[in-house]
């Protein structure tokens, strides 16, 4: 089943068990707007409550994934407005991390500033081979927001992260893959097809296991080994009671592909 809904600045498409959210301000290179941020947050919150959705995929309409913050509004906003705007962006990022389902960001053109950080808030990044990434905040006298100062240092180390933040120099998808920022790259012509195939495959996996893997792996960045070990111990005791585990075990014994239901 496939359904499509267009709202202001966001396109919502359901393809099987995959919720495909497309940033839809192509005339502004998908720069963030309040409507876009609130729409993304609501869609992901709804996905949390919808057992039929197993994977979320983010992409951008037009020439690029996202330019991040809207440059046209920069220099004309008050501290209060910025504080409120970033509060909404923070809620989106926390909603993404709280979702116990995989989120895939699909990058073409470029992911700049907060657009880059939005991708970092996801679980998997797939990119076109000719795409690029840039943390452009310092060019306009700002710091990174949207979680970038948390995600990137943990991912590539603080020294390399600071270099990217300081220089505001773009990196290619190939360089991003070498830094373990990007998981896979594809030719632009096949990116959408490959990304949907990737998402579809994940959507057929053991959803509950994926959810706990995401939760524990994310928490491991600030947890001790003993804390992670205990989380694994408790969670595994729960996992052996799930339908997916029983199906997986039976499929292994019967030498067939498992048919997981996310239960």
C-alpha atoms as a PDB file:
ATOM      1  CA  UNK A   1       0.000   0.000   0.000  1.00  0.00           C
ATOM      2  CA  UNK A   2       1.257   3.479  -0.832  1.00  0.00           C
ATOM      3  CA  UNK A   3      -0.266   6.785   0.183  1.00  0.00           C
ATOM      4  CA  UNK A   4       0.973  10.339  -0.278  1.00  0.00           C
ATOM      5  CA  UNK A   5       0.039  13.514   1.583  1.00  0.00           C
ATOM      6  CA  UNK A   6       1.460  16.962   0.820  1.00  0.00           C
ATOM      7  CA  UNK A   7       1.495  19.577   3.557  1.00  0.00           C
ATOM      8  CA  UNK A   8       3.219  22.944   3.776  1.00  0.00           C
ATOM      9  CA  UNK A   9       6.952  22.338   3.362  1.00  0.00           C
ATOM     10  CA  UNK A  10       6.699  18.562   3.933  1.00  0.00           C
ATOM     11  CA  UNK A  11       5.651  15.637   1.769  1.00  0.00           C
ATOM     12  CA  UNK A  12       4.482  12.523   3.612  1.00  0.00           C
ATOM     13  CA  UNK A  13       4.477   9.210   1.780  1.00  0.00           C
ATOM     14  CA  UNK A  14       3.752   5.751   3.197  1.00  0.00           C
ATOM     15  CA  UNK A  15       5.204   2.895   1.188  1.00  0.00           C
ATOM     16  CA  UNK A  16       4.399  -0.411   2.867  1.00  0.00           C
ATOM     17  CA  UNK A  17       5.955  -0.191   6.337  1.00  0.00           C
ATOM     18  CA  UNK A  18       8.226   2.732   5.374  1.00  0.00           C
ATOM     19  CA  UNK A  19       7.264   6.321   6.231  1.00  0.00           C
ATOM     20  CA  UNK A  20       8.988   8.568   3.687  1.00  0.00           C
ATOM     21  CA  UNK A  21       9.228  12.216   4.732  1.00  0.00           C
ATOM     22  CA  UNK A  22      10.438  14.644   2.065  1.00  0.00           C
ATOM     23  CA  UNK A  23      11.554  18.177   2.928  1.00  0.00           C
ATOM     24  CA  UNK A  24       9.521  20.156   0.419  1.00  0.00           C
ATOM     25  CA  UNK A  25      10.830  23.705   0.016  1.00  0.00           C
ATOM     26  CA  UNK A  26      12.834  23.159  -3.167  1.00  0.00           C
ATOM     27  CA  UNK A  27      12.748  26.861  -4.049  1.00  0.00           C
ATOM     28  CA  UNK A  28      14.647  27.537  -0.792  1.00  0.00           C
ATOM     29  CA  UNK A  29      16.860  24.448  -1.043  1.00  0.00           C
ATOM     30  CA  UNK A  30      14.733  22.932   1.725  1.00  0.00           C
ATOM     31  CA  UNK A  31      15.901  25.447   4.311  1.00  0.00           C
ATOM     32  CA  UNK A  32      14.137  24.843   7.593  1.00  0.00           C
ATOM     33  CA  UNK A  33      10.904  26.667   8.329  1.00  0.00           C
ATOM     34  CA  UNK A  34       8.793  26.466  11.502  1.00  0.00           C
ATOM     35  CA  UNK A  35       6.143  24.558   9.519  1.00  0.00           C
ATOM     36  CA  UNK A  36       8.703  22.032   8.296  1.00  0.00           C
ATOM     37  CA  UNK A  37      10.179  21.431  11.742  1.00  0.00           C
ATOM     38  CA  UNK A  38       6.782  21.052  13.415  1.00  0.00           C
ATOM     39  CA  UNK A  39       5.565  18.811  10.580  1.00  0.00           C
ATOM     40  CA  UNK A  40       8.586  16.514  10.916  1.00  0.00           C
ATOM     41  CA  UNK A  41       8.189  16.320  14.678  1.00  0.00           C
ATOM     42  CA  UNK A  42       4.485  15.467  14.424  1.00  0.00           C
ATOM     43  CA  UNK A  43       5.049  12.859  11.701  1.00  0.00           C
ATOM     44  CA  UNK A  44       7.758  11.100  13.704  1.00  0.00           C
ATOM     45  CA  UNK A  45       5.686  11.229  16.900  1.00  0.00           C
ATOM     46  CA  UNK A  46       2.814   9.634  14.962  1.00  0.00           C
ATOM     47  CA  UNK A  47       5.188   6.968  13.637  1.00  0.00           C
ATOM     48  CA  UNK A  48       6.083   6.071  17.205  1.00  0.00           C
ATOM     49  CA  UNK A  49       2.449   5.204  17.902  1.00  0.00           C
ATOM     50  CA  UNK A  50       1.832   3.432  14.584  1.00  0.00           C
ATOM     51  CA  UNK A  51       2.827  -0.236  14.646  1.00  0.00           C
ATOM     52  CA  UNK A  52       2.388  -0.420  10.872  1.00  0.00           C
ATOM     53  CA  UNK A  53       5.371   1.925  10.397  1.00  0.00           C
ATOM     54  CA  UNK A  54       8.682   0.123  10.875  1.00  0.00           C
ATOM     55  CA  UNK A  55      11.188   2.537   9.271  1.00  0.00           C
ATOM     56  CA  UNK A  56      11.330   6.298   8.631  1.00  0.00           C
ATOM     57  CA  UNK A  57      13.192   7.730   5.642  1.00  0.00           C
ATOM     58  CA  UNK A  58      14.098  11.419   5.242  1.00  0.00           C
ATOM     59  CA  UNK A  59      14.978  13.051   1.914  1.00  0.00           C
ATOM     60  CA  UNK A  60      14.812  16.432   0.209  1.00  0.00           C
ATOM     61  CA  UNK A  61      12.902  17.625  -2.857  1.00  0.00           C
ATOM     62  CA  UNK A  62      14.618  19.456  -5.690  1.00  0.00           C
ATOM     63  CA  UNK A  63      18.364  20.002  -6.008  1.00  0.00           C
ATOM     64  CA  UNK A  64      19.547  19.206  -2.466  1.00  0.00           C
ATOM     65  CA  UNK A  65      18.711  17.564   0.828  1.00  0.00           C
ATOM     66  CA  UNK A  66      18.723  20.761   2.892  1.00  0.00           C
ATOM     67  CA  UNK A  67      20.483  24.105   3.225  1.00  0.00           C
ATOM     68  CA  UNK A  68      19.730  24.045   6.961  1.00  0.00           C
ATOM     69  CA  UNK A  69      18.794  27.393   8.490  1.00  0.00           C
ATOM     70  CA  UNK A  70      17.081  29.951   6.287  1.00  0.00           C
ATOM     71  CA  UNK A  71      19.780  32.489   5.411  1.00  0.00           C
ATOM     72  CA  UNK A  72      17.147  35.063   4.390  1.00  0.00           C
ATOM     73  CA  UNK A  73      16.066  35.432   8.007  1.00  0.00           C
ATOM     74  CA  UNK A  74      19.564  35.631   9.473  1.00  0.00           C
ATOM     75  CA  UNK A  75      20.612  38.946  10.981  1.00  0.00           C
ATOM     76  CA  UNK A  76      17.009  40.060  11.402  1.00  0.00           C
ATOM     77  CA  UNK A  77      15.870  37.786  14.226  1.00  0.00           C
ATOM     78  CA  UNK A  78      15.909  38.523  17.941  1.00  0.00           C
ATOM     79  CA  UNK A  79      17.527  36.393  20.624  1.00  0.00           C
ATOM     80  CA  UNK A  80      14.076  35.376  21.829  1.00  0.00           C
ATOM     81  CA  UNK A  81      13.021  34.254  18.352  1.00  0.00           C
ATOM     82  CA  UNK A  82      16.219  32.244  17.906  1.00  0.00           C
ATOM     83  CA  UNK A  83      15.817  30.664  21.327  1.00  0.00           C
ATOM     84  CA  UNK A  84      12.245  29.613  20.517  1.00  0.00           C
ATOM     85  CA  UNK A  85      13.156  28.372  17.021  1.00  0.00           C
ATOM     86  CA  UNK A  86      16.036  26.230  18.243  1.00  0.00           C
ATOM     87  CA  UNK A  87      13.803  24.893  20.998  1.00  0.00           C
ATOM     88  CA  UNK A  88      11.501  23.500  18.318  1.00  0.00           C
ATOM     89  CA  UNK A  89      14.495  22.099  16.411  1.00  0.00           C
ATOM     90  CA  UNK A  90      15.745  20.467  19.614  1.00  0.00           C
ATOM     91  CA  UNK A  91      12.348  18.843  20.122  1.00  0.00           C
ATOM     92  CA  UNK A  92      12.586  17.374  16.613  1.00  0.00           C
ATOM     93  CA  UNK A  93      16.075  15.978  17.262  1.00  0.00           C
ATOM     94  CA  UNK A  94      15.017  14.443  20.581  1.00  0.00           C
ATOM     95  CA  UNK A  95      11.906  12.970  18.940  1.00  0.00           C
ATOM     96  CA  UNK A  96      14.093  11.342  16.295  1.00  0.00           C
ATOM     97  CA  UNK A  97      16.425   9.842  18.893  1.00  0.00           C
ATOM     98  CA  UNK A  98      13.471   8.703  21.010  1.00  0.00           C
ATOM     99  CA  UNK A  99      11.871   6.816  18.116  1.00  0.00           C
ATOM    100  CA  UNK A 100      12.667   3.139  18.605  1.00  0.00           C
ATOM    101  CA  UNK A 101      12.614   2.544  14.857  1.00  0.00           C
ATOM    102  CA  UNK A 102      15.409   3.090  12.321  1.00  0.00           C
ATOM    103  CA  UNK A 103      15.580   6.510  10.643  1.00  0.00           C
ATOM    104  CA  UNK A 104      17.428   6.767   7.328  1.00  0.00           C
ATOM    105  CA  UNK A 105      18.564  10.086   5.852  1.00  0.00           C
ATOM    106  CA  UNK A 106      19.043  10.109   2.081  1.00  0.00           C
ATOM    107  CA  UNK A 107      21.377  12.883   0.905  1.00  0.00           C
ATOM    108  CA  UNK A 108      21.722  14.361  -2.569  1.00  0.00           C
ATOM    109  CA  UNK A 109      23.146  17.710  -3.618  1.00  0.00           C
ATOM    110  CA  UNK A 110      24.325  18.981  -0.258  1.00  0.00           C
ATOM    111  CA  UNK A 111      23.448  18.828   3.416  1.00  0.00           C
ATOM    112  CA  UNK A 112      24.493  22.114   5.009  1.00  0.00           C
ATOM    113  CA  UNK A 113      24.494  23.422   8.568  1.00  0.00           C
ATOM    114  CA  UNK A 114      21.452  22.232  10.497  1.00  0.00           C
ATOM    115  CA  UNK A 115      20.549  20.088   7.471  1.00  0.00           C
ATOM    116  CA  UNK A 116      23.782  18.160   8.031  1.00  0.00           C
ATOM    117  CA  UNK A 117      22.952  17.881  11.728  1.00  0.00           C
ATOM    118  CA  UNK A 118      19.440  16.634  10.954  1.00  0.00           C
ATOM    119  CA  UNK A 119      21.038  13.783   9.024  1.00  0.00           C
ATOM    120  CA  UNK A 120      23.378  13.099  11.966  1.00  0.00           C
ATOM    121  CA  UNK A 121      20.299  12.744  14.204  1.00  0.00           C
ATOM    122  CA  UNK A 122      19.176   9.781  12.097  1.00  0.00           C
ATOM    123  CA  UNK A 123      20.534   6.224  12.381  1.00  0.00           C
ATOM    124  CA  UNK A 124      21.733   5.583   8.838  1.00  0.00           C
ATOM    125  CA  UNK A 125      22.972   8.038   6.185  1.00  0.00           C
ATOM    126  CA  UNK A 126      22.864   7.077   2.509  1.00  0.00           C
ATOM    127  CA  UNK A 127      24.273   9.570   0.014  1.00  0.00           C
ATOM    128  CA  UNK A 128      24.685  10.223  -3.686  1.00  0.00           C
ATOM    129  CA  UNK A 129      28.296   9.870  -4.765  1.00  0.00           C
ATOM    130  CA  UNK A 130      28.432  13.505  -5.912  1.00  0.00           C
ATOM    131  CA  UNK A 131      26.810  14.958  -2.778  1.00  0.00           C
ATOM    132  CA  UNK A 132      28.602  17.055  -0.180  1.00  0.00           C
ATOM    133  CA  UNK A 133      28.350  18.040   3.475  1.00  0.00           C
ATOM    134  CA  UNK A 134      29.246  21.342   5.089  1.00  0.00           C
ATOM    135  CA  UNK A 135      28.978  22.861   8.553  1.00  0.00           C
ATOM    136  CA  UNK A 136      28.676  26.464   7.475  1.00  0.00           C
ATOM    137  CA  UNK A 137      27.804  28.085  10.811  1.00  0.00           C
ATOM    138  CA  UNK A 138      31.155  29.812  11.377  1.00  0.00           C
ATOM    139  CA  UNK A 139      30.846  31.593   8.020  1.00  0.00           C
ATOM    140  CA  UNK A 140      28.027  33.655   9.506  1.00  0.00           C
ATOM    141  CA  UNK A 141      29.482  33.948  12.999  1.00  0.00           C
ATOM    142  CA  UNK A 142      27.391  31.223  14.624  1.00  0.00           C
ATOM    143  CA  UNK A 143      27.954  27.951  16.453  1.00  0.00           C
ATOM    144  CA  UNK A 144      26.468  24.658  15.332  1.00  0.00           C
ATOM    145  CA  UNK A 145      22.966  23.828  16.544  1.00  0.00           C
ATOM    146  CA  UNK A 146      20.561  20.931  16.091  1.00  0.00           C
ATOM    147  CA  UNK A 147      22.808  18.554  18.028  1.00  0.00           C
ATOM    148  CA  UNK A 148      25.855  18.768  15.788  1.00  0.00           C
ATOM    149  CA  UNK A 149      28.188  19.613  18.679  1.00  0.00           C
ATOM    150  CA  UNK A 150      27.092  16.359  20.322  1.00  0.00           C
ATOM    151  CA  UNK A 151      26.796  14.008  17.358  1.00  0.00           C
ATOM    152  CA  UNK A 152      29.891  14.839  15.321  1.00  0.00           C
ATOM    153  CA  UNK A 153      32.583  14.797  18.056  1.00  0.00           C
ATOM    154  CA  UNK A 154      31.292  11.431  19.225  1.00  0.00           C
ATOM    155  CA  UNK A 155      31.297  10.123  15.672  1.00  0.00           C
ATOM    156  CA  UNK A 156      34.673  11.326  14.348  1.00  0.00           C
ATOM    157  CA  UNK A 157      36.454  12.628  17.448  1.00  0.00           C
ATOM    158  CA  UNK A 158      36.610  16.189  18.790  1.00  0.00           C
ATOM    159  CA  UNK A 159      39.732  17.263  16.868  1.00  0.00           C
ATOM    160  CA  UNK A 160      38.433  16.397  13.401  1.00  0.00           C
ATOM    161  CA  UNK A 161      34.978  17.698  14.330  1.00  0.00           C
ATOM    162  CA  UNK A 162      36.432  21.042  15.421  1.00  0.00           C
ATOM    163  CA  UNK A 163      38.338  21.267  12.153  1.00  0.00           C
ATOM    164  CA  UNK A 164      35.079  20.909  10.207  1.00  0.00           C
ATOM    165  CA  UNK A 165      33.265  23.376  12.464  1.00  0.00           C
ATOM    166  CA  UNK A 166      36.093  25.936  12.294  1.00  0.00           C
ATOM    167  CA  UNK A 167      36.863  25.724   8.573  1.00  0.00           C
ATOM    168  CA  UNK A 168      33.299  25.488   7.217  1.00  0.00           C
ATOM    169  CA  UNK A 169      34.846  23.667   4.259  1.00  0.00           C
ATOM    170  CA  UNK A 170      32.635  21.160   2.408  1.00  0.00           C
ATOM    171  CA  UNK A 171      33.540  17.495   2.397  1.00  0.00           C
ATOM    172  CA  UNK A 172      32.542  15.073  -0.335  1.00  0.00           C
ATOM    173  CA  UNK A 173      30.369  12.028   0.191  1.00  0.00           C
ATOM    174  CA  UNK A 174      33.502   9.912  -0.316  1.00  0.00           C
ATOM    175  CA  UNK A 175      35.297  11.789   2.474  1.00  0.00           C
ATOM    176  CA  UNK A 176      32.208  11.556   4.686  1.00  0.00           C
ATOM    177  CA  UNK A 177      32.122   7.792   4.143  1.00  0.00           C
ATOM    178  CA  UNK A 178      35.812   7.517   5.055  1.00  0.00           C
ATOM    179  CA  UNK A 179      35.032   9.407   8.274  1.00  0.00           C
ATOM    180  CA  UNK A 180      32.149   6.973   8.997  1.00  0.00           C
ATOM    181  CA  UNK A 181      29.588   9.766   8.690  1.00  0.00           C
ATOM    182  CA  UNK A 182      27.976   8.167   5.627  1.00  0.00           C
ATOM    183  CA  UNK A 183      27.081   4.473   5.607  1.00  0.00           C
ATOM    184  CA  UNK A 184      26.710   3.890   1.859  1.00  0.00           C
ATOM    185  CA  UNK A 185      27.067   5.897  -1.352  1.00  0.00           C
ATOM    186  CA  UNK A 186      25.294   5.333  -4.676  1.00  0.00           C
ATOM    187  CA  UNK A 187      25.182   6.990  -8.087  1.00  0.00           C
ATOM    188  CA  UNK A 188      22.639   9.829  -8.015  1.00  0.00           C
ATOM    189  CA  UNK A 189      20.532   8.147 -10.707  1.00  0.00           C
ATOM    190  CA  UNK A 190      19.958   5.082  -8.521  1.00  0.00           C
ATOM    191  CA  UNK A 191      19.985   6.740  -5.070  1.00  0.00           C
ATOM    192  CA  UNK A 192      16.209   6.844  -4.547  1.00  0.00           C
ATOM    193  CA  UNK A 193      15.728   3.253  -5.694  1.00  0.00           C
ATOM    194  CA  UNK A 194      18.635   1.978  -3.588  1.00  0.00           C
ATOM    195  CA  UNK A 195      17.476   3.928  -0.535  1.00  0.00           C
ATOM    196  CA  UNK A 196      13.935   2.594  -0.768  1.00  0.00           C
ATOM    197  CA  UNK A 197      15.266  -0.948  -1.161  1.00  0.00           C
ATOM    198  CA  UNK A 198      17.452  -0.417   1.911  1.00  0.00           C
ATOM    199  CA  UNK A 199      14.506   0.952   3.904  1.00  0.00           C
ATOM    200  CA  UNK A 200      12.211  -1.831   2.737  1.00  0.00           C
ATOM    201  CA  UNK A 201      14.731  -4.464   3.810  1.00  0.00           C
ATOM    202  CA  UNK A 202      15.027  -2.886   7.268  1.00  0.00           C
ATOM    203  CA  UNK A 203      11.240  -2.712   7.549  1.00  0.00           C
ATOM    204  CA  UNK A 204      11.115  -6.494   7.186  1.00  0.00           C
ATOM    205  CA  UNK A 205      13.542  -7.018  10.061  1.00  0.00           C
ATOM    206  CA  UNK A 206      12.948  -7.676  13.773  1.00  0.00           C
ATOM    207  CA  UNK A 207      11.500  -4.307  14.762  1.00  0.00           C
ATOM    208  CA  UNK A 208      11.648  -4.738  18.525  1.00  0.00           C
ATOM    209  CA  UNK A 209      15.277  -5.841  18.357  1.00  0.00           C
ATOM    210  CA  UNK A 210      16.145  -2.841  16.176  1.00  0.00           C
ATOM    211  CA  UNK A 211      14.450  -0.521  18.652  1.00  0.00           C
ATOM    212  CA  UNK A 212      16.434  -1.797  21.623  1.00  0.00           C
ATOM    213  CA  UNK A 213      19.677  -1.860  19.609  1.00  0.00           C
ATOM    214  CA  UNK A 214      19.157   1.823  18.756  1.00  0.00           C
ATOM    215  CA  UNK A 215      18.268   2.746  22.334  1.00  0.00           C
ATOM    216  CA  UNK A 216      21.193   0.950  23.967  1.00  0.00           C
ATOM    217  CA  UNK A 217      23.754   1.917  21.323  1.00  0.00           C
ATOM    218  CA  UNK A 218      22.820   5.597  21.648  1.00  0.00           C
ATOM    219  CA  UNK A 219      22.930   5.407  25.445  1.00  0.00           C
ATOM    220  CA  UNK A 220      26.342   3.700  25.317  1.00  0.00           C
ATOM    221  CA  UNK A 221      27.930   7.033  24.375  1.00  0.00           C
ATOM    222  CA  UNK A 222      27.330   8.252  27.918  1.00  0.00           C
ATOM    223  CA  UNK A 223      27.059   4.925  29.776  1.00  0.00           C
ATOM    224  CA  UNK A 224      29.724   2.816  31.458  1.00  0.00           C
ATOM    225  CA  UNK A 225      30.502  -0.714  30.307  1.00  0.00           C
ATOM    226  CA  UNK A 226      28.822  -2.162  33.388  1.00  0.00           C
ATOM    227  CA  UNK A 227      25.665  -0.143  32.662  1.00  0.00           C
ATOM    228  CA  UNK A 228      25.547  -1.351  29.058  1.00  0.00           C
ATOM    229  CA  UNK A 229      26.156  -4.934  30.105  1.00  0.00           C
ATOM    230  CA  UNK A 230      23.226  -4.759  32.515  1.00  0.00           C
ATOM    231  CA  UNK A 231      20.998  -3.184  29.843  1.00  0.00           C
ATOM    232  CA  UNK A 232      21.940  -6.014  27.470  1.00  0.00           C
ATOM    233  CA  UNK A 233      21.237  -8.605  30.146  1.00  0.00           C
ATOM    234  CA  UNK A 234      17.776  -7.270  31.011  1.00  0.00           C
ATOM    235  CA  UNK A 235      16.785  -6.609  27.415  1.00  0.00           C
ATOM    236  CA  UNK A 236      17.896 -10.006  26.131  1.00  0.00           C
ATOM    237  CA  UNK A 237      15.769 -11.689  28.790  1.00  0.00           C
ATOM    238  CA  UNK A 238      12.807  -9.799  27.327  1.00  0.00           C
ATOM    239  CA  UNK A 239      13.768 -10.431  23.692  1.00  0.00           C
ATOM    240  CA  UNK A 240      13.625 -14.220  24.005  1.00  0.00           C
ATOM    241  CA  UNK A 241       9.889 -13.906  24.719  1.00  0.00           C
ATOM    242  CA  UNK A 242       9.109 -12.024  21.487  1.00  0.00           C
ATOM    243  CA  UNK A 243       7.406 -13.489  18.452  1.00  0.00           C
ATOM    244  CA  UNK A 244      10.258 -12.289  16.252  1.00  0.00           C
ATOM    245  CA  UNK A 245      12.826 -14.274  18.237  1.00  0.00           C
ATOM    246  CA  UNK A 246      10.726 -17.419  18.030  1.00  0.00           C
ATOM    247  CA  UNK A 247      10.213 -16.920  14.313  1.00  0.00           C
ATOM    248  CA  UNK A 248      13.918 -16.248  13.793  1.00  0.00           C
ATOM    249  CA  UNK A 249      14.941 -19.341  15.718  1.00  0.00           C
ATOM    250  CA  UNK A 250      12.434 -21.541  13.865  1.00  0.00           C
ATOM    251  CA  UNK A 251      13.497 -20.120  10.492  1.00  0.00           C
ATOM    252  CA  UNK A 252      17.146 -20.829  11.297  1.00  0.00           C
ATOM    253  CA  UNK A 253      16.359 -24.446  12.226  1.00  0.00           C
ATOM    254  CA  UNK A 254      14.165 -24.875   9.142  1.00  0.00           C
ATOM    255  CA  UNK A 255      16.772 -23.225   6.880  1.00  0.00           C
ATOM    256  CA  UNK A 256      14.398 -20.568   5.514  1.00  0.00           C
ATOM    257  CA  UNK A 257      14.180 -16.811   5.554  1.00  0.00           C
ATOM    258  CA  UNK A 258      12.453 -15.468   8.678  1.00  0.00           C
ATOM    259  CA  UNK A 259       9.167 -13.569   8.366  1.00  0.00           C
ATOM    260  CA  UNK A 260       9.426 -10.985  11.119  1.00  0.00           C
ATOM    261  CA  UNK A 261       6.372  -9.032  12.259  1.00  0.00           C
ATOM    262  CA  UNK A 262       7.999  -6.555  14.644  1.00  0.00           C
ATOM    263  CA  UNK A 263       6.363  -8.215  17.651  1.00  0.00           C
END
